[in-house]
């Protein structure tokens, strides 16, 4: 979906154990046709911890919410390339926050968005 290339932010909806949903607005980058997000607060972020526990997650697209799977990115070279994508997309407008997003704590939380909607791959 080309919709993610130009978006500054997307909204992830994460389902809590008690059934309620909570939104989390995050920056998104697209690299090689794949969309990626990170937790600005690293592993301390509640939404990130819930996603790792396989909480039901949705992404809001043009007013509609679609199921999505988020998978951790473990490849250090890919994580560095994603950091470059954050720098290229957000660095001029928000240099301080970008440095924080590219720091080791946030970079360690890099997630790939997959299986959006009916099993389709989120891509550029």
PDB file of N, CA and C in Angstrom:
ATOM      1  N   UNK A   1       0.841  -1.193   0.000  1.00  0.00           N
ATOM      2  CA  UNK A   1       0.000   0.000   0.000  1.00  0.00           C
ATOM      3  C   UNK A   1       0.875   1.241   0.000  1.00  0.00           C
ATOM      4  N   UNK A   2       0.673   2.084  -0.967  1.00  0.00           N
ATOM      5  CA  UNK A   2       1.435   3.324  -1.057  1.00  0.00           C
ATOM      6  C   UNK A   2       1.062   4.309   0.038  1.00  0.00           C
ATOM      7  N   UNK A   3      -0.048   4.096   0.713  1.00  0.00           N
ATOM      8  CA  UNK A   3      -0.538   5.033   1.720  1.00  0.00           C
ATOM      9  C   UNK A   3       0.466   5.262   2.847  1.00  0.00           C
ATOM     10  N   UNK A   4       1.342   4.309   3.112  1.00  0.00           N
ATOM     11  CA  UNK A   4       2.254   4.437   4.244  1.00  0.00           C
ATOM     12  C   UNK A   4       3.530   5.189   3.922  1.00  0.00           C
ATOM     13  N   UNK A   5       3.879   5.298   2.655  1.00  0.00           N
ATOM     14  CA  UNK A   5       5.113   5.963   2.277  1.00  0.00           C
ATOM     15  C   UNK A   5       5.077   7.429   2.686  1.00  0.00           C
ATOM     16  N   UNK A   6       3.973   8.104   2.434  1.00  0.00           N
ATOM     17  CA  UNK A   6       3.882   9.539   2.686  1.00  0.00           C
ATOM     18  C   UNK A   6       3.291   9.895   4.043  1.00  0.00           C
ATOM     19  N   UNK A   7       2.821   8.937   4.786  1.00  0.00           N
ATOM     20  CA  UNK A   7       2.234   9.232   6.096  1.00  0.00           C
ATOM     21  C   UNK A   7       3.325   9.545   7.106  1.00  0.00           C
ATOM     22  N   UNK A   8       3.089  10.573   7.896  1.00  0.00           N
ATOM     23  CA  UNK A   8       4.013  10.905   8.969  1.00  0.00           C
ATOM     24  C   UNK A   8       3.826   9.950  10.129  1.00  0.00           C
ATOM     25  N   UNK A   9       2.562   9.639  10.411  1.00  0.00           N
ATOM     26  CA  UNK A   9       2.239   8.771  11.540  1.00  0.00           C
ATOM     27  C   UNK A   9       1.128   7.813  11.141  1.00  0.00           C
ATOM     28  N   UNK A  10       1.058   6.707  11.865  1.00  0.00           N
ATOM     29  CA  UNK A  10      -0.076   5.798  11.748  1.00  0.00           C
ATOM     30  C   UNK A  10      -0.577   5.516  13.162  1.00  0.00           C
ATOM     31  N   UNK A  11      -1.772   4.991  13.239  1.00  0.00           N
ATOM     32  CA  UNK A  11      -2.317   4.624  14.543  1.00  0.00           C
ATOM     33  C   UNK A  11      -2.418   3.111  14.633  1.00  0.00           C
ATOM     34  N   UNK A  12      -1.762   2.566  15.646  1.00  0.00           N
ATOM     35  CA  UNK A  12      -1.887   1.150  15.974  1.00  0.00           C
ATOM     36  C   UNK A  12      -2.890   1.024  17.106  1.00  0.00           C
ATOM     37  N   UNK A  13      -3.774   0.071  17.013  1.00  0.00           N
ATOM     38  CA  UNK A  13      -4.739  -0.233  18.069  1.00  0.00           C
ATOM     39  C   UNK A  13      -4.355  -1.571  18.666  1.00  0.00           C
ATOM     40  N   UNK A  14      -4.146  -1.606  19.965  1.00  0.00           N
ATOM     41  CA  UNK A  14      -3.712  -2.825  20.644  1.00  0.00           C
ATOM     42  C   UNK A  14      -4.790  -3.219  21.658  1.00  0.00           C
ATOM     43  N   UNK A  15      -5.139  -4.495  21.633  1.00  0.00           N
ATOM     44  CA  UNK A  15      -6.184  -4.998  22.531  1.00  0.00           C
ATOM     45  C   UNK A  15      -5.566  -5.435  23.857  1.00  0.00           C
ATOM     46  N   UNK A  16      -6.170  -4.957  24.935  1.00  0.00           N
ATOM     47  CA  UNK A  16      -5.734  -5.309  26.289  1.00  0.00           C
ATOM     48  C   UNK A  16      -6.347  -6.643  26.698  1.00  0.00           C
ATOM     49  N   UNK A  17      -5.807  -7.239  27.741  1.00  0.00           N
ATOM     50  CA  UNK A  17      -6.314  -8.517  28.252  1.00  0.00           C
ATOM     51  C   UNK A  17      -7.776  -8.426  28.661  1.00  0.00           C
ATOM     52  N   UNK A  18      -8.215  -7.222  29.095  1.00  0.00           N
ATOM     53  CA  UNK A  18      -9.611  -7.061  29.518  1.00  0.00           C
ATOM     54  C   UNK A  18     -10.559  -6.794  28.345  1.00  0.00           C
ATOM     55  N   UNK A  19     -10.028  -6.800  27.107  1.00  0.00           N
ATOM     56  CA  UNK A  19     -10.861  -6.644  25.926  1.00  0.00           C
ATOM     57  C   UNK A  19     -10.934  -5.245  25.351  1.00  0.00           C
ATOM     58  N   UNK A  20     -10.526  -4.248  26.112  1.00  0.00           N
ATOM     59  CA  UNK A  20     -10.597  -2.880  25.575  1.00  0.00           C
ATOM     60  C   UNK A  20      -9.421  -2.640  24.626  1.00  0.00           C
ATOM     61  N   UNK A  21      -9.604  -1.689  23.727  1.00  0.00           N
ATOM     62  CA  UNK A  21      -8.587  -1.327  22.736  1.00  0.00           C
ATOM     63  C   UNK A  21      -7.984   0.016  23.104  1.00  0.00           C
ATOM     64  N   UNK A  22      -6.703   0.196  22.843  1.00  0.00           N
ATOM     65  CA  UNK A  22      -6.099   1.511  23.044  1.00  0.00           C
ATOM     66  C   UNK A  22      -5.269   1.878  21.813  1.00  0.00           C
ATOM     67  N   UNK A  23      -5.371   3.152  21.402  1.00  0.00           N
ATOM     68  CA  UNK A  23      -4.621   3.599  20.232  1.00  0.00           C
ATOM     69  C   UNK A  23      -3.223   4.073  20.620  1.00  0.00           C
ATOM     70  N   UNK A  24      -2.299   3.902  19.717  1.00  0.00           N
ATOM     71  CA  UNK A  24      -0.934   4.420  19.889  1.00  0.00           C
ATOM     72  C   UNK A  24      -0.504   4.966  18.540  1.00  0.00           C
ATOM     73  N   UNK A  25      -0.206   6.261  18.493  1.00  0.00           N
ATOM     74  CA  UNK A  25       0.271   6.894  17.274  1.00  0.00           C
ATOM     75  C   UNK A  25       1.775   6.715  17.190  1.00  0.00           C
ATOM     76  N   UNK A  26       2.246   6.203  16.054  1.00  0.00           N
ATOM     77  CA  UNK A  26       3.671   5.929  15.870  1.00  0.00           C
ATOM     78  C   UNK A  26       4.128   6.417  14.504  1.00  0.00           C
ATOM     79  N   UNK A  27       5.424   6.699  14.411  1.00  0.00           N
ATOM     80  CA  UNK A  27       6.030   6.997  13.114  1.00  0.00           C
ATOM     81  C   UNK A  27       6.180   5.702  12.349  1.00  0.00           C
ATOM     82  N   UNK A  28       6.077   5.783  11.038  1.00  0.00           N
ATOM     83  CA  UNK A  28       6.217   4.610  10.180  1.00  0.00           C
ATOM     84  C   UNK A  28       7.179   4.936   9.045  1.00  0.00           C
ATOM     85  N   UNK A  29       8.049   3.990   8.730  1.00  0.00           N
ATOM     86  CA  UNK A  29       8.929   4.122   7.559  1.00  0.00           C
ATOM     87  C   UNK A  29       8.728   2.902   6.681  1.00  0.00           C
ATOM     88  N   UNK A  30       8.948   3.097   5.380  1.00  0.00           N
ATOM     89  CA  UNK A  30       8.863   2.004   4.420  1.00  0.00           C
ATOM     90  C   UNK A  30      10.230   1.845   3.784  1.00  0.00           C
ATOM     91  N   UNK A  31      10.728   0.622   3.794  1.00  0.00           N
ATOM     92  CA  UNK A  31      12.039   0.300   3.238  1.00  0.00           C
ATOM     93  C   UNK A  31      11.902  -0.994   2.449  1.00  0.00           C
ATOM     94  N   UNK A  32      12.310  -0.957   1.195  1.00  0.00           N
ATOM     95  CA  UNK A  32      12.230  -2.147   0.336  1.00  0.00           C
ATOM     96  C   UNK A  32      10.826  -2.759   0.330  1.00  0.00           C
ATOM     97  N   UNK A  33       9.815  -1.900   0.316  1.00  0.00           N
ATOM     98  CA  UNK A  33       8.444  -2.375   0.226  1.00  0.00           C
ATOM     99  C   UNK A  33       7.845  -2.901   1.507  1.00  0.00           C
ATOM    100  N   UNK A  34       8.541  -2.765   2.626  1.00  0.00           N
ATOM    101  CA  UNK A  34       8.043  -3.234   3.928  1.00  0.00           C
ATOM    102  C   UNK A  34       7.893  -2.034   4.858  1.00  0.00           C
ATOM    103  N   UNK A  35       6.863  -2.060   5.702  1.00  0.00           N
ATOM    104  CA  UNK A  35       6.624  -0.981   6.661  1.00  0.00           C
ATOM    105  C   UNK A  35       7.165  -1.390   8.025  1.00  0.00           C
ATOM    106  N   UNK A  36       7.762  -0.413   8.736  1.00  0.00           N
ATOM    107  CA  UNK A  36       8.376  -0.662  10.039  1.00  0.00           C
ATOM    108  C   UNK A  36       7.969   0.423  11.026  1.00  0.00           C
ATOM    109  N   UNK A  37       7.858   0.033  12.289  1.00  0.00           N
ATOM    110  CA  UNK A  37       7.602   0.967  13.378  1.00  0.00           C
ATOM    111  C   UNK A  37       8.550   0.636  14.525  1.00  0.00           C
ATOM    112  N   UNK A  38       8.667   1.593  15.451  1.00  0.00           N
ATOM    113  CA  UNK A  38       9.467   1.415  16.662  1.00  0.00           C
ATOM    114  C   UNK A  38       8.745   2.051  17.827  1.00  0.00           C
ATOM    115  N   UNK A  39       9.121   1.607  19.021  1.00  0.00           N
ATOM    116  CA  UNK A  39       8.617   2.222  20.240  1.00  0.00           C
ATOM    117  C   UNK A  39       9.572   3.343  20.649  1.00  0.00           C
ATOM    118  N   UNK A  40       9.078   4.549  20.719  1.00  0.00           N
ATOM    119  CA  UNK A  40       9.918   5.691  21.111  1.00  0.00           C
ATOM    120  C   UNK A  40      10.470   5.520  22.524  1.00  0.00           C
ATOM    121  N   UNK A  41       9.790   4.760  23.357  1.00  0.00           N
ATOM    122  CA  UNK A  41      10.214   4.566  24.741  1.00  0.00           C
ATOM    123  C   UNK A  41      10.841   3.197  24.960  1.00  0.00           C
ATOM    124  N   UNK A  42      11.247   2.553  23.881  1.00  0.00           N
ATOM    125  CA  UNK A  42      11.901   1.265  23.994  1.00  0.00           C
ATOM    126  C   UNK A  42      10.988   0.213  24.583  1.00  0.00           C
ATOM    127  N   UNK A  43      11.588  -0.719  25.277  1.00  0.00           N
ATOM    128  CA  UNK A  43      10.833  -1.850  25.840  1.00  0.00           C
ATOM    129  C   UNK A  43       9.942  -1.450  27.018  1.00  0.00           C
ATOM    130  N   UNK A  44      10.076  -0.220  27.491  1.00  0.00           N
ATOM    131  CA  UNK A  44       9.224   0.243  28.596  1.00  0.00           C
ATOM    132  C   UNK A  44       7.795   0.502  28.145  1.00  0.00           C
ATOM    133  N   UNK A  45       7.591   0.674  26.859  1.00  0.00           N
ATOM    134  CA  UNK A  45       6.280   1.017  26.328  1.00  0.00           C
ATOM    135  C   UNK A  45       5.293  -0.142  26.478  1.00  0.00           C
ATOM    136  N   UNK A  46       4.128   0.156  27.030  1.00  0.00           N
ATOM    137  CA  UNK A  46       3.109  -0.875  27.260  1.00  0.00           C
ATOM    138  C   UNK A  46       2.638  -1.484  25.943  1.00  0.00           C
ATOM    139  N   UNK A  47       2.406  -0.663  24.906  1.00  0.00           N
ATOM    140  CA  UNK A  47       1.903  -1.222  23.650  1.00  0.00           C
ATOM    141  C   UNK A  47       2.910  -2.193  23.057  1.00  0.00           C
ATOM    142  N   UNK A  48       4.191  -1.885  23.155  1.00  0.00           N
ATOM    143  CA  UNK A  48       5.230  -2.761  22.611  1.00  0.00           C
ATOM    144  C   UNK A  48       5.244  -4.105  23.355  1.00  0.00           C
ATOM    145  N   UNK A  49       5.183  -4.057  24.663  1.00  0.00           N
ATOM    146  CA  UNK A  49       5.180  -5.293  25.449  1.00  0.00           C
ATOM    147  C   UNK A  49       3.946  -6.145  25.130  1.00  0.00           C
ATOM    148  N   UNK A  50       2.799  -5.486  24.936  1.00  0.00           N
ATOM    149  CA  UNK A  50       1.577  -6.224  24.600  1.00  0.00           C
ATOM    150  C   UNK A  50       1.707  -6.895  23.233  1.00  0.00           C
ATOM    151  N   UNK A  51       2.265  -6.184  22.268  1.00  0.00           N
ATOM    152  CA  UNK A  51       2.453  -6.762  20.933  1.00  0.00           C
ATOM    153  C   UNK A  51       3.359  -7.987  21.010  1.00  0.00           C
ATOM    154  N   UNK A  52       4.428  -7.911  21.800  1.00  0.00           N
ATOM    155  CA  UNK A  52       5.324  -9.064  21.943  1.00  0.00           C
ATOM    156  C   UNK A  52       4.621 -10.263  22.572  1.00  0.00           C
ATOM    157  N   UNK A  53       3.589  -9.995  23.365  1.00  0.00           N
ATOM    158  CA  UNK A  53       2.803 -11.077  23.976  1.00  0.00           C
ATOM    159  C   UNK A  53       1.673 -11.526  23.040  1.00  0.00           C
ATOM    160  N   UNK A  54       1.758 -11.105  21.788  1.00  0.00           N
ATOM    161  CA  UNK A  54       0.810 -11.494  20.737  1.00  0.00           C
ATOM    162  C   UNK A  54      -0.587 -10.925  20.958  1.00  0.00           C
ATOM    163  N   UNK A  55      -0.653  -9.722  21.521  1.00  0.00           N
ATOM    164  CA  UNK A  55      -1.948  -9.063  21.658  1.00  0.00           C
ATOM    165  C   UNK A  55      -2.509  -8.778  20.267  1.00  0.00           C
ATOM    166  N   UNK A  56      -3.812  -8.877  20.158  1.00  0.00           N
ATOM    167  CA  UNK A  56      -4.473  -8.543  18.904  1.00  0.00           C
ATOM    168  C   UNK A  56      -4.162  -7.082  18.578  1.00  0.00           C
ATOM    169  N   UNK A  57      -3.742  -6.821  17.342  1.00  0.00           N
ATOM    170  CA  UNK A  57      -3.331  -5.476  16.940  1.00  0.00           C
ATOM    171  C   UNK A  57      -3.969  -5.133  15.601  1.00  0.00           C
ATOM    172  N   UNK A  58      -4.356  -3.873  15.462  1.00  0.00           N
ATOM    173  CA  UNK A  58      -4.918  -3.375  14.210  1.00  0.00           C
ATOM    174  C   UNK A  58      -4.211  -2.085  13.835  1.00  0.00           C
ATOM    175  N   UNK A  59      -4.215  -1.776  12.545  1.00  0.00           N
ATOM    176  CA  UNK A  59      -3.670  -0.522  12.056  1.00  0.00           C
ATOM    177  C   UNK A  59      -4.826   0.250  11.425  1.00  0.00           C
ATOM    178  N   UNK A  60      -4.882   1.549  11.698  1.00  0.00           N
ATOM    179  CA  UNK A  60      -5.941   2.381  11.132  1.00  0.00           C
ATOM    180  C   UNK A  60      -5.486   2.901   9.782  1.00  0.00           C
ATOM    181  N   UNK A  61      -6.290   2.625   8.755  1.00  0.00           N
ATOM    182  CA  UNK A  61      -5.986   3.016   7.392  1.00  0.00           C
ATOM    183  C   UNK A  61      -7.197   3.745   6.828  1.00  0.00           C
ATOM    184  N   UNK A  62      -7.032   5.013   6.519  1.00  0.00           N
ATOM    185  CA  UNK A  62      -8.107   5.809   5.912  1.00  0.00           C
ATOM    186  C   UNK A  62      -9.428   5.634   6.658  1.00  0.00           C
ATOM    187  N   UNK A  63      -9.366   5.678   7.975  1.00  0.00           N
ATOM    188  CA  UNK A  63     -10.567   5.585   8.789  1.00  0.00           C
ATOM    189  C   UNK A  63     -11.030   4.174   9.081  1.00  0.00           C
ATOM    190  N   UNK A  64     -10.439   3.175   8.440  1.00  0.00           N
ATOM    191  CA  UNK A  64     -10.796   1.779   8.704  1.00  0.00           C
ATOM    192  C   UNK A  64      -9.684   1.118   9.507  1.00  0.00           C
ATOM    193  N   UNK A  65     -10.058   0.192  10.371  1.00  0.00           N
ATOM    194  CA  UNK A  65      -9.065  -0.550  11.145  1.00  0.00           C
ATOM    195  C   UNK A  65      -8.934  -1.951  10.575  1.00  0.00           C
ATOM    196  N   UNK A  66      -7.679  -2.335  10.301  1.00  0.00           N
ATOM    197  CA  UNK A  66      -7.390  -3.643   9.723  1.00  0.00           C
ATOM    198  C   UNK A  66      -6.476  -4.431  10.657  1.00  0.00           C
ATOM    199  N   UNK A  67      -6.698  -5.732  10.796  1.00  0.00           N
ATOM    200  CA  UNK A  67      -5.790  -6.536  11.607  1.00  0.00           C
ATOM    201  C   UNK A  67      -4.382  -6.496  11.020  1.00  0.00           C
ATOM    202  N   UNK A  68      -3.396  -6.537  11.888  1.00  0.00           N
ATOM    203  CA  UNK A  68      -2.005  -6.505  11.450  1.00  0.00           C
ATOM    204  C   UNK A  68      -1.182  -7.379  12.394  1.00  0.00           C
ATOM    205  N   UNK A  69      -0.118  -7.943  11.873  1.00  0.00           N
ATOM    206  CA  UNK A  69       0.839  -8.678  12.690  1.00  0.00           C
ATOM    207  C   UNK A  69       2.130  -7.881  12.712  1.00  0.00           C
ATOM    208  N   UNK A  70       2.725  -7.731  13.883  1.00  0.00           N
ATOM    209  CA  UNK A  70       4.008  -7.036  14.007  1.00  0.00           C
ATOM    210  C   UNK A  70       5.057  -8.063  14.414  1.00  0.00           C
ATOM    211  N   UNK A  71       6.136  -8.108  13.650  1.00  0.00           N
ATOM    212  CA  UNK A  71       7.206  -9.073  13.888  1.00  0.00           C
ATOM    213  C   UNK A  71       8.499  -8.350  14.225  1.00  0.00           C
ATOM    214  N   UNK A  72       9.193  -8.753  15.297  1.00  0.00           N
ATOM    215  CA  UNK A  72      10.478  -8.130  15.639  1.00  0.00           C
ATOM    216  C   UNK A  72      11.499  -8.319  14.522  1.00  0.00           C
ATOM    217  N   UNK A  73      12.320  -7.295  14.329  1.00  0.00           N
ATOM    218  CA  UNK A  73      13.412  -7.343  13.353  1.00  0.00           C
ATOM    219  C   UNK A  73      14.698  -7.581  14.130  1.00  0.00           C
ATOM    220  N   UNK A  74      15.349  -8.703  13.869  1.00  0.00           N
ATOM    221  CA  UNK A  74      16.548  -9.087  14.612  1.00  0.00           C
ATOM    222  C   UNK A  74      17.849  -8.847  13.843  1.00  0.00           C
ATOM    223  N   UNK A  75      17.765  -8.573  12.561  1.00  0.00           N
ATOM    224  CA  UNK A  75      18.950  -8.402  11.722  1.00  0.00           C
ATOM    225  C   UNK A  75      19.570  -7.013  11.968  1.00  0.00           C
ATOM    226  N   UNK A  76      20.764  -6.935  12.576  1.00  0.00           N
ATOM    227  CA  UNK A  76      21.378  -5.641  12.904  1.00  0.00           C
ATOM    228  C   UNK A  76      21.595  -4.741  11.678  1.00  0.00           C
ATOM    229  N   UNK A  77      21.927  -5.332  10.541  1.00  0.00           N
ATOM    230  CA  UNK A  77      22.125  -4.535   9.331  1.00  0.00           C
ATOM    231  C   UNK A  77      20.812  -3.909   8.874  1.00  0.00           C
ATOM    232  N   UNK A  78      19.737  -4.678   8.924  1.00  0.00           N
ATOM    233  CA  UNK A  78      18.425  -4.150   8.552  1.00  0.00           C
ATOM    234  C   UNK A  78      17.986  -3.067   9.540  1.00  0.00           C
ATOM    235  N   UNK A  79      18.219  -3.275  10.823  1.00  0.00           N
ATOM    236  CA  UNK A  79      17.867  -2.264  11.830  1.00  0.00           C
ATOM    237  C   UNK A  79      18.605  -0.957  11.525  1.00  0.00           C
ATOM    238  N   UNK A  80      19.869  -1.034  11.123  1.00  0.00           N
ATOM    239  CA  UNK A  80      20.628   0.176  10.766  1.00  0.00           C
ATOM    240  C   UNK A  80      20.048   0.853   9.529  1.00  0.00           C
ATOM    241  N   UNK A  81      19.659   0.059   8.546  1.00  0.00           N
ATOM    242  CA  UNK A  81      19.040   0.628   7.341  1.00  0.00           C
ATOM    243  C   UNK A  81      17.719   1.307   7.677  1.00  0.00           C
ATOM    244  N   UNK A  82      16.957   0.718   8.591  1.00  0.00           N
ATOM    245  CA  UNK A  82      15.694   1.318   9.024  1.00  0.00           C
ATOM    246  C   UNK A  82      15.971   2.619   9.770  1.00  0.00           C
ATOM    247  N   UNK A  83      17.036   2.651  10.560  1.00  0.00           N
ATOM    248  CA  UNK A  83      17.430   3.906  11.229  1.00  0.00           C
ATOM    249  C   UNK A  83      17.717   4.982  10.191  1.00  0.00           C
ATOM    250  N   UNK A  84      18.377   4.604   9.110  1.00  0.00           N
ATOM    251  CA  UNK A  84      18.620   5.554   8.021  1.00  0.00           C
ATOM    252  C   UNK A  84      17.332   6.050   7.401  1.00  0.00           C
ATOM    253  N   UNK A  85      16.351   5.172   7.276  1.00  0.00           N
ATOM    254  CA  UNK A  85      15.049   5.579   6.736  1.00  0.00           C
ATOM    255  C   UNK A  85      14.352   6.558   7.678  1.00  0.00           C
ATOM    256  N   UNK A  86      14.461   6.337   8.992  1.00  0.00           N
ATOM    257  CA  UNK A  86      13.916   7.301   9.955  1.00  0.00           C
ATOM    258  C   UNK A  86      14.614   8.647   9.812  1.00  0.00           C
ATOM    259  N   UNK A  87      15.933   8.623   9.711  1.00  0.00           N
ATOM    260  CA  UNK A  87      16.701   9.861   9.580  1.00  0.00           C
ATOM    261  C   UNK A  87      16.298  10.611   8.310  1.00  0.00           C
ATOM    262  N   UNK A  88      16.181   9.877   7.193  1.00  0.00           N
ATOM    263  CA  UNK A  88      15.819  10.510   5.915  1.00  0.00           C
ATOM    264  C   UNK A  88      14.406  11.097   5.953  1.00  0.00           C
ATOM    265  N   UNK A  89      13.477  10.392   6.562  1.00  0.00           N
ATOM    266  CA  UNK A  89      12.080  10.824   6.549  1.00  0.00           C
ATOM    267  C   UNK A  89      11.792  11.929   7.567  1.00  0.00           C
ATOM    268  N   UNK A  90      12.367  11.832   8.766  1.00  0.00           N
ATOM    269  CA  UNK A  90      11.995  12.722   9.858  1.00  0.00           C
ATOM    270  C   UNK A  90      13.105  13.654  10.330  1.00  0.00           C
ATOM    271  N   UNK A  91      14.340  13.420   9.914  1.00  0.00           N
ATOM    272  CA  UNK A  91      15.498  14.112  10.475  1.00  0.00           C
ATOM    273  C   UNK A  91      15.494  15.622  10.346  1.00  0.00           C
ATOM    274  N   UNK A  92      15.062  16.155   9.211  1.00  0.00           N
ATOM    275  CA  UNK A  92      15.070  17.610   9.037  1.00  0.00           C
ATOM    276  C   UNK A  92      14.036  18.295   9.915  1.00  0.00           C
ATOM    277  N   UNK A  93      12.875  17.681  10.060  1.00  0.00           N
ATOM    278  CA  UNK A  93      11.794  18.294  10.837  1.00  0.00           C
ATOM    279  C   UNK A  93      11.929  18.062  12.335  1.00  0.00           C
ATOM    280  N   UNK A  94      12.422  16.885  12.727  1.00  0.00           N
ATOM    281  CA  UNK A  94      12.483  16.524  14.142  1.00  0.00           C
ATOM    282  C   UNK A  94      13.825  15.867  14.478  1.00  0.00           C
ATOM    283  N   UNK A  95      14.928  16.619  14.403  1.00  0.00           N
ATOM    284  CA  UNK A  95      16.250  15.989  14.608  1.00  0.00           C
ATOM    285  C   UNK A  95      16.430  15.368  15.993  1.00  0.00           C
ATOM    286  N   UNK A  96      15.961  16.003  17.044  1.00  0.00           N
ATOM    287  CA  UNK A  96      16.106  15.444  18.394  1.00  0.00           C
ATOM    288  C   UNK A  96      15.350  14.140  18.569  1.00  0.00           C
ATOM    289  N   UNK A  97      14.050  14.135  18.258  1.00  0.00           N
ATOM    290  CA  UNK A  97      13.304  12.889  18.377  1.00  0.00           C
ATOM    291  C   UNK A  97      13.848  11.767  17.484  1.00  0.00           C
ATOM    292  N   UNK A  98      14.371  12.115  16.314  1.00  0.00           N
ATOM    293  CA  UNK A  98      14.931  11.083  15.429  1.00  0.00           C
ATOM    294  C   UNK A  98      16.146  10.439  16.075  1.00  0.00           C
ATOM    295  N   UNK A  99      16.987  11.237  16.705  1.00  0.00           N
ATOM    296  CA  UNK A  99      18.152  10.660  17.387  1.00  0.00           C
ATOM    297  C   UNK A  99      17.700   9.708  18.489  1.00  0.00           C
ATOM    298  N   UNK A 100      16.634  10.070  19.186  1.00  0.00           N
ATOM    299  CA  UNK A 100      16.093   9.193  20.218  1.00  0.00           C
ATOM    300  C   UNK A 100      15.539   7.906  19.598  1.00  0.00           C
ATOM    301  N   UNK A 101      14.817   8.034  18.488  1.00  0.00           N
ATOM    302  CA  UNK A 101      14.250   6.865  17.810  1.00  0.00           C
ATOM    303  C   UNK A 101      15.335   5.948  17.247  1.00  0.00           C
ATOM    304  N   UNK A 102      16.493   6.511  16.953  1.00  0.00           N
ATOM    305  CA  UNK A 102      17.582   5.718  16.408  1.00  0.00           C
ATOM    306  C   UNK A 102      18.571   5.269  17.479  1.00  0.00           C
ATOM    307  N   UNK A 103      18.327   5.647  18.729  1.00  0.00           N
ATOM    308  CA  UNK A 103      19.183   5.197  19.820  1.00  0.00           C
ATOM    309  C   UNK A 103      19.004   3.699  20.047  1.00  0.00           C
ATOM    310  N   UNK A 104      19.925   3.091  20.775  1.00  0.00           N
ATOM    311  CA  UNK A 104      19.883   1.637  20.948  1.00  0.00           C
ATOM    312  C   UNK A 104      18.600   1.107  21.587  1.00  0.00           C
ATOM    313  N   UNK A 105      18.032   1.845  22.538  1.00  0.00           N
ATOM    314  CA  UNK A 105      16.830   1.367  23.224  1.00  0.00           C
ATOM    315  C   UNK A 105      15.634   1.290  22.279  1.00  0.00           C
ATOM    316  N   UNK A 106      15.407   2.351  21.496  1.00  0.00           N
ATOM    317  CA  UNK A 106      14.279   2.348  20.561  1.00  0.00           C
ATOM    318  C   UNK A 106      14.560   1.441  19.362  1.00  0.00           C
ATOM    319  N   UNK A 107      15.779   1.472  18.835  1.00  0.00           N
ATOM    320  CA  UNK A 107      16.106   0.652  17.661  1.00  0.00           C
ATOM    321  C   UNK A 107      15.898  -0.833  17.946  1.00  0.00           C
ATOM    322  N   UNK A 108      16.105  -1.234  19.200  1.00  0.00           N
ATOM    323  CA  UNK A 108      15.928  -2.638  19.579  1.00  0.00           C
ATOM    324  C   UNK A 108      14.463  -3.069  19.519  1.00  0.00           C
ATOM    325  N   UNK A 109      13.536  -2.122  19.360  1.00  0.00           N
ATOM    326  CA  UNK A 109      12.107  -2.446  19.313  1.00  0.00           C
ATOM    327  C   UNK A 109      11.551  -2.393  17.896  1.00  0.00           C
ATOM    328  N   UNK A 110      12.392  -2.423  16.892  1.00  0.00           N
ATOM    329  CA  UNK A 110      11.945  -2.337  15.501  1.00  0.00           C
ATOM    330  C   UNK A 110      11.035  -3.517  15.161  1.00  0.00           C
ATOM    331  N   UNK A 111       9.878  -3.192  14.589  1.00  0.00           N
ATOM    332  CA  UNK A 111       8.883  -4.197  14.211  1.00  0.00           C
ATOM    333  C   UNK A 111       8.479  -4.019  12.759  1.00  0.00           C
ATOM    334  N   UNK A 112       8.296  -5.132  12.052  1.00  0.00           N
ATOM    335  CA  UNK A 112       7.796  -5.126  10.680  1.00  0.00           C
ATOM    336  C   UNK A 112       6.293  -5.378  10.724  1.00  0.00           C
ATOM    337  N   UNK A 113       5.528  -4.585   9.972  1.00  0.00           N
ATOM    338  CA  UNK A 113       4.086  -4.776   9.866  1.00  0.00           C
ATOM    339  C   UNK A 113       3.815  -5.757   8.738  1.00  0.00           C
ATOM    340  N   UNK A 114       3.133  -6.851   9.058  1.00  0.00           N
ATOM    341  CA  UNK A 114       2.789  -7.848   8.050  1.00  0.00           C
ATOM    342  C   UNK A 114       1.337  -8.257   8.204  1.00  0.00           C
ATOM    343  N   UNK A 115       0.851  -9.000   7.227  1.00  0.00           N
ATOM    344  CA  UNK A 115      -0.494  -9.587   7.273  1.00  0.00           C
ATOM    345  C   UNK A 115      -1.582  -8.555   7.535  1.00  0.00           C
ATOM    346  N   UNK A 116      -1.514  -7.424   6.849  1.00  0.00           N
ATOM    347  CA  UNK A 116      -2.529  -6.388   7.024  1.00  0.00           C
ATOM    348  C   UNK A 116      -3.822  -6.823   6.337  1.00  0.00           C
ATOM    349  N   UNK A 117      -4.901  -6.698   7.039  1.00  0.00           N
ATOM    350  CA  UNK A 117      -6.208  -7.019   6.464  1.00  0.00           C
ATOM    351  C   UNK A 117      -6.358  -8.499   6.186  1.00  0.00           C
ATOM    352  N   UNK A 118      -6.696  -8.840   4.980  1.00  0.00           N
ATOM    353  CA  UNK A 118      -6.965 -10.222   4.585  1.00  0.00           C
ATOM    354  C   UNK A 118      -5.684 -10.971   4.220  1.00  0.00           C
ATOM    355  N   UNK A 119      -4.689 -10.928   5.073  1.00  0.00           N
ATOM    356  CA  UNK A 119      -3.461 -11.674   4.810  1.00  0.00           C
ATOM    357  C   UNK A 119      -2.547 -11.011   3.810  1.00  0.00           C
ATOM    358  N   UNK A 120      -2.860  -9.791   3.398  1.00  0.00           N
ATOM    359  CA  UNK A 120      -1.980  -9.113   2.445  1.00  0.00           C
ATOM    360  C   UNK A 120      -0.773  -8.549   3.143  1.00  0.00           C
ATOM    361  N   UNK A 121       0.310  -8.382   2.437  1.00  0.00           N
ATOM    362  CA  UNK A 121       1.550  -7.831   2.964  1.00  0.00           C
ATOM    363  C   UNK A 121       1.495  -6.316   2.831  1.00  0.00           C
ATOM    364  N   UNK A 122       1.803  -5.574   3.883  1.00  0.00           N
ATOM    365  CA  UNK A 122       1.850  -4.120   3.804  1.00  0.00           C
ATOM    366  C   UNK A 122       3.105  -3.738   3.062  1.00  0.00           C
ATOM    367  N   UNK A 123       2.956  -3.027   1.978  1.00  0.00           N
ATOM    368  CA  UNK A 123       4.132  -2.653   1.194  1.00  0.00           C
ATOM    369  C   UNK A 123       3.938  -1.287   0.583  1.00  0.00           C
ATOM    370  N   UNK A 124       5.023  -0.781   0.049  1.00  0.00           N
ATOM    371  CA  UNK A 124       4.994   0.543  -0.571  1.00  0.00           C
ATOM    372  C   UNK A 124       4.486   0.453  -1.986  1.00  0.00           C
TER     373      UNK A 124
END
